[in-house]
Each structure stands twice: as structure tokens, then as C-alpha cells.
N, C-alpha and C. Protein backbone atom coordinates (compact mmCIF):
# COMPACT_ATOMS: atom_id res chain seq x y z
N MET A 1 0.84 -1.18 0.00
CA MET A 1 0.00 0.00 0.00
C MET A 1 0.89 1.24 0.00
N ALA A 2 0.49 2.25 -0.78
CA ALA A 2 1.27 3.48 -0.88
C ALA A 2 1.09 4.34 0.36
N VAL A 3 2.21 4.85 0.84
CA VAL A 3 2.20 5.71 2.02
C VAL A 3 2.84 7.03 1.62
N PRO A 4 2.18 8.19 1.93
CA PRO A 4 2.79 9.47 1.56
C PRO A 4 4.08 9.71 2.33
N LYS A 5 5.08 10.27 1.60
CA LYS A 5 6.38 10.52 2.24
C LYS A 5 6.30 11.66 3.24
N LYS A 6 5.47 12.67 2.94
CA LYS A 6 5.29 13.76 3.90
C LYS A 6 3.85 14.25 3.85
N ARG A 7 3.46 14.89 4.91
CA ARG A 7 2.08 15.36 5.04
C ARG A 7 1.81 16.51 4.07
N THR A 8 0.64 16.50 3.44
CA THR A 8 0.22 17.60 2.58
C THR A 8 -0.36 18.69 3.45
N THR A 9 0.15 19.89 3.30
CA THR A 9 -0.32 21.00 4.13
C THR A 9 -1.70 21.45 3.68
N LYS A 10 -2.37 22.20 4.54
CA LYS A 10 -3.69 22.73 4.21
C LYS A 10 -3.60 23.64 3.00
N SER A 11 -2.54 24.41 2.93
CA SER A 11 -2.36 25.35 1.82
C SER A 11 -2.24 24.62 0.49
N SER A 12 -1.42 23.59 0.44
CA SER A 12 -1.25 22.82 -0.81
C SER A 12 -2.55 22.13 -1.20
N ARG A 13 -3.22 21.55 -0.21
CA ARG A 13 -4.48 20.87 -0.48
C ARG A 13 -5.51 21.84 -1.04
N ASN A 14 -5.63 23.02 -0.40
CA ASN A 14 -6.63 24.00 -0.83
C ASN A 14 -6.29 24.61 -2.19
N GLN A 15 -5.01 24.78 -2.50
CA GLN A 15 -4.62 25.30 -3.81
C GLN A 15 -4.99 24.31 -4.91
N ARG A 16 -4.85 23.03 -4.62
CA ARG A 16 -5.22 22.00 -5.59
C ARG A 16 -6.73 22.00 -5.82
N ARG A 17 -7.49 22.22 -4.77
CA ARG A 17 -8.95 22.17 -4.86
C ARG A 17 -9.58 23.50 -5.28
N MET A 18 -8.76 24.51 -5.51
CA MET A 18 -9.26 25.86 -5.78
C MET A 18 -10.19 25.92 -7.00
N HIS A 19 -9.94 25.09 -8.00
CA HIS A 19 -10.71 25.16 -9.24
C HIS A 19 -11.86 24.15 -9.29
N ILE A 20 -12.10 23.48 -8.18
CA ILE A 20 -13.19 22.49 -8.15
C ILE A 20 -14.43 23.17 -7.57
N TYR A 21 -15.28 23.69 -8.43
CA TYR A 21 -16.53 24.32 -8.00
C TYR A 21 -17.48 24.38 -9.18
N LEU A 22 -18.74 24.62 -8.90
CA LEU A 22 -19.75 24.71 -9.95
C LEU A 22 -19.69 26.08 -10.60
N LYS A 23 -19.71 26.10 -11.91
CA LYS A 23 -19.70 27.35 -12.65
C LYS A 23 -21.12 27.64 -13.14
N THR A 24 -21.50 28.91 -13.18
CA THR A 24 -22.83 29.27 -13.68
C THR A 24 -22.85 29.11 -15.20
N PRO A 25 -23.92 28.55 -15.75
CA PRO A 25 -23.98 28.35 -17.20
C PRO A 25 -24.09 29.69 -17.93
N ALA A 26 -23.47 29.77 -19.08
CA ALA A 26 -23.51 30.98 -19.89
C ALA A 26 -24.88 31.08 -20.57
N THR A 27 -25.56 32.19 -20.37
CA THR A 27 -26.88 32.37 -20.97
C THR A 27 -26.85 33.55 -21.93
N THR A 28 -27.77 33.52 -22.89
CA THR A 28 -27.96 34.64 -23.80
C THR A 28 -29.40 35.10 -23.65
N THR A 29 -29.76 36.18 -24.32
CA THR A 29 -31.15 36.64 -24.27
C THR A 29 -31.88 36.19 -25.52
N CYS A 30 -33.13 35.87 -25.35
CA CYS A 30 -33.98 35.46 -26.48
C CYS A 30 -34.23 36.67 -27.38
N ILE A 31 -34.16 36.45 -28.68
CA ILE A 31 -34.37 37.53 -29.64
C ILE A 31 -35.81 38.03 -29.59
N LYS A 32 -36.74 37.11 -29.41
CA LYS A 32 -38.16 37.45 -29.45
C LYS A 32 -38.65 38.10 -28.15
N CYS A 33 -38.40 37.44 -27.01
CA CYS A 33 -39.00 37.91 -25.75
C CYS A 33 -38.00 38.55 -24.79
N GLY A 34 -36.71 38.33 -24.99
CA GLY A 34 -35.70 38.97 -24.15
C GLY A 34 -35.40 38.25 -22.84
N LYS A 35 -35.94 37.06 -22.64
CA LYS A 35 -35.67 36.28 -21.43
C LYS A 35 -34.32 35.57 -21.57
N PRO A 36 -33.65 35.26 -20.44
CA PRO A 36 -32.38 34.53 -20.53
C PRO A 36 -32.61 33.08 -20.96
N VAL A 37 -31.76 32.61 -21.90
CA VAL A 37 -31.89 31.27 -22.46
C VAL A 37 -30.50 30.65 -22.57
N LEU A 38 -30.40 29.35 -22.34
CA LEU A 38 -29.15 28.66 -22.58
C LEU A 38 -28.84 28.68 -24.07
N GLY A 39 -27.57 28.67 -24.44
CA GLY A 39 -27.19 28.71 -25.83
C GLY A 39 -27.64 27.48 -26.60
N HIS A 40 -28.01 27.66 -27.86
CA HIS A 40 -28.43 26.58 -28.76
C HIS A 40 -29.63 25.80 -28.25
N THR A 41 -30.54 26.47 -27.55
CA THR A 41 -31.76 25.81 -27.08
C THR A 41 -32.96 26.68 -27.41
N VAL A 42 -34.12 26.05 -27.45
CA VAL A 42 -35.37 26.75 -27.72
C VAL A 42 -35.79 27.50 -26.47
N CYS A 43 -36.31 28.72 -26.64
CA CYS A 43 -36.79 29.52 -25.51
C CYS A 43 -38.06 28.87 -24.96
N LYS A 44 -38.08 28.63 -23.66
CA LYS A 44 -39.24 28.00 -23.02
C LYS A 44 -40.40 28.97 -22.90
N ASN A 45 -40.11 30.26 -22.92
CA ASN A 45 -41.15 31.27 -22.75
C ASN A 45 -41.96 31.46 -24.03
N CYS A 46 -41.28 31.61 -25.17
CA CYS A 46 -42.00 31.92 -26.41
C CYS A 46 -41.91 30.81 -27.46
N GLY A 47 -40.99 29.85 -27.33
CA GLY A 47 -40.90 28.73 -28.27
C GLY A 47 -40.12 29.05 -29.53
N PHE A 48 -39.35 30.14 -29.55
CA PHE A 48 -38.59 30.53 -30.73
C PHE A 48 -37.14 30.09 -30.60
N TYR A 49 -36.51 29.76 -31.76
CA TYR A 49 -35.09 29.45 -31.83
C TYR A 49 -34.55 30.08 -33.10
N LYS A 50 -33.60 30.98 -32.94
CA LYS A 50 -33.00 31.73 -34.06
C LYS A 50 -34.06 32.45 -34.89
N GLY A 51 -35.05 33.02 -34.23
CA GLY A 51 -36.08 33.81 -34.91
C GLY A 51 -37.17 32.99 -35.58
N VAL A 52 -37.15 31.67 -35.43
CA VAL A 52 -38.17 30.81 -36.04
C VAL A 52 -38.93 30.10 -34.93
N GLU A 53 -40.26 30.06 -35.05
CA GLU A 53 -41.07 29.39 -34.03
C GLU A 53 -40.94 27.88 -34.19
N VAL A 54 -40.43 27.23 -33.17
CA VAL A 54 -40.22 25.78 -33.20
C VAL A 54 -41.32 25.07 -32.43
N ILE A 55 -41.69 25.61 -31.27
CA ILE A 55 -42.71 25.01 -30.42
C ILE A 55 -43.86 26.00 -30.26
N ASP A 56 -45.09 25.51 -30.42
CA ASP A 56 -46.26 26.35 -30.19
C ASP A 56 -46.57 26.31 -28.70
N VAL A 57 -46.12 27.33 -27.97
CA VAL A 57 -46.26 27.38 -26.52
C VAL A 57 -47.73 27.56 -26.12
N MET A 58 -48.48 28.30 -26.91
CA MET A 58 -49.88 28.59 -26.59
C MET A 58 -50.76 27.34 -26.65
N LYS A 59 -50.38 26.37 -27.45
CA LYS A 59 -51.20 25.17 -27.63
C LYS A 59 -51.35 24.38 -26.33
N LYS A 60 -50.32 24.39 -25.50
CA LYS A 60 -50.33 23.60 -24.28
C LYS A 60 -51.09 24.27 -23.13
N LEU A 61 -51.37 25.57 -23.26
CA LEU A 61 -51.99 26.33 -22.17
C LEU A 61 -53.50 26.30 -22.23
N THR A 62 -54.15 26.60 -21.11
CA THR A 62 -55.60 26.72 -21.09
C THR A 62 -55.98 28.09 -21.66
N LYS A 63 -57.26 28.32 -21.88
CA LYS A 63 -57.70 29.58 -22.49
C LYS A 63 -57.32 30.79 -21.65
N LYS A 64 -57.48 30.66 -20.33
CA LYS A 64 -57.17 31.77 -19.43
C LYS A 64 -55.66 32.08 -19.49
N GLU A 65 -54.84 31.04 -19.48
CA GLU A 65 -53.40 31.22 -19.55
C GLU A 65 -52.97 31.77 -20.91
N GLN A 66 -53.68 31.35 -21.98
CA GLN A 66 -53.37 31.84 -23.33
C GLN A 66 -53.58 33.35 -23.42
N LYS A 67 -54.69 33.84 -22.86
CA LYS A 67 -54.96 35.28 -22.87
C LYS A 67 -53.87 36.04 -22.13
N GLN A 68 -53.52 35.55 -20.96
CA GLN A 68 -52.52 36.21 -20.14
C GLN A 68 -51.16 36.22 -20.84
N LYS A 69 -50.79 35.11 -21.45
CA LYS A 69 -49.51 34.98 -22.14
C LYS A 69 -49.46 35.90 -23.35
N SER A 70 -50.57 35.98 -24.11
CA SER A 70 -50.58 36.84 -25.29
C SER A 70 -50.46 38.31 -24.90
N LYS A 71 -51.07 38.70 -23.79
CA LYS A 71 -50.93 40.08 -23.31
C LYS A 71 -49.50 40.38 -22.91
N GLU A 72 -48.85 39.42 -22.24
CA GLU A 72 -47.44 39.60 -21.85
C GLU A 72 -46.56 39.80 -23.07
N ILE A 73 -46.77 38.99 -24.08
CA ILE A 73 -45.95 39.07 -25.30
C ILE A 73 -46.17 40.40 -26.00
N GLU A 74 -47.41 40.85 -26.08
CA GLU A 74 -47.70 42.15 -26.70
C GLU A 74 -47.03 43.29 -25.94
N ASN A 75 -47.11 43.24 -24.62
CA ASN A 75 -46.47 44.28 -23.80
C ASN A 75 -44.95 44.29 -24.01
N GLN A 76 -44.34 43.12 -24.08
CA GLN A 76 -42.90 43.04 -24.29
C GLN A 76 -42.50 43.59 -25.65
N GLU A 77 -43.32 43.31 -26.67
CA GLU A 77 -43.01 43.81 -28.02
C GLU A 77 -43.13 45.33 -28.08
N THR A 78 -44.15 45.89 -27.41
CA THR A 78 -44.31 47.35 -27.42
C THR A 78 -43.16 48.02 -26.66
N GLU A 79 -42.74 47.42 -25.55
CA GLU A 79 -41.60 47.97 -24.80
C GLU A 79 -40.33 47.92 -25.63
N LYS A 80 -40.16 46.84 -26.36
CA LYS A 80 -38.98 46.69 -27.21
C LYS A 80 -38.95 47.75 -28.30
N LYS A 81 -40.11 48.03 -28.90
CA LYS A 81 -40.19 49.04 -29.96
C LYS A 81 -39.87 50.43 -29.43
N THR A 82 -40.37 50.75 -28.24
CA THR A 82 -40.10 52.07 -27.67
C THR A 82 -38.63 52.21 -27.31
N ASN A 83 -38.02 51.14 -26.82
CA ASN A 83 -36.60 51.18 -26.48
C ASN A 83 -35.74 51.31 -27.73
N ASP A 84 -36.14 50.65 -28.83
CA ASP A 84 -35.38 50.72 -30.07
C ASP A 84 -35.42 52.13 -30.66
N SER A 85 -36.55 52.79 -30.55
CA SER A 85 -36.67 54.12 -31.14
C SER A 85 -35.83 55.14 -30.37
N LEU A 86 -35.54 54.89 -29.10
CA LEU A 86 -34.76 55.81 -28.29
C LEU A 86 -33.25 55.50 -28.32
N SER A 87 -32.83 54.49 -29.08
CA SER A 87 -31.43 54.14 -29.15
C SER A 87 -30.69 55.17 -30.01
N MET A 88 -29.37 55.13 -29.98
CA MET A 88 -28.55 56.06 -30.75
C MET A 88 -28.78 55.90 -32.25
N GLU A 89 -28.96 54.66 -32.69
CA GLU A 89 -29.22 54.42 -34.12
C GLU A 89 -30.56 55.02 -34.53
N GLY A 90 -31.55 54.87 -33.67
CA GLY A 90 -32.87 55.43 -33.98
C GLY A 90 -32.85 56.94 -33.99
N LEU A 91 -32.10 57.54 -33.08
CA LEU A 91 -32.04 59.00 -33.02
C LEU A 91 -31.22 59.58 -34.17
N SER A 92 -30.22 58.83 -34.65
CA SER A 92 -29.39 59.35 -35.73
C SER A 92 -30.14 59.33 -37.07
N LYS A 93 -31.14 58.46 -37.18
CA LYS A 93 -31.90 58.41 -38.43
C LYS A 93 -32.91 59.52 -38.42
């Protein structure tokens, strides 16, 4: 059986373990709704991937939830339009 020749100090042990931790996943924002999304995945909020609708999110919801979701999407689109018009590019045109 292998026996260590000398004791490993706390400092050496902790320096070795310094890089062993969980890293937060890199997220991007959805083009359609602006929510954070993992890279190369479909947005769970709106069902879009690279500007194309892949999943019909409204189909799975009840009528009450569909109304609420459609209002949220409309509000987000109007906010996005107002923010775009106030950008430097919009003002320069």
C-alpha cells in the first residue's frame, strides 16, 4: 500500500482544490422575448429558436393562460419598440 512521504499542508491541499466548484452556465437573451436562455436551445417562454417558431407554446396552455400569455408578449413587443426608437441608431436616423 502506498504511504505518503510527507504530510500535505492545508495550503497545498486547498490550492489544488481551488478550481473544483460549480460554474454558472452561460446564458444569452432570447431575440423574441428577451428572457435569458441557454445557448443553442429553444426559448421556453415563447418557443422561438433563431427567430423561427419551433414550439407552439400557446397550444399547451388553457384559455385563461393563453390570454394572459398573449398580453405579456404584446407588452414586451411594445416595450422593445419604444426602447429601439430611443437608441442612438434610432435617433441618428
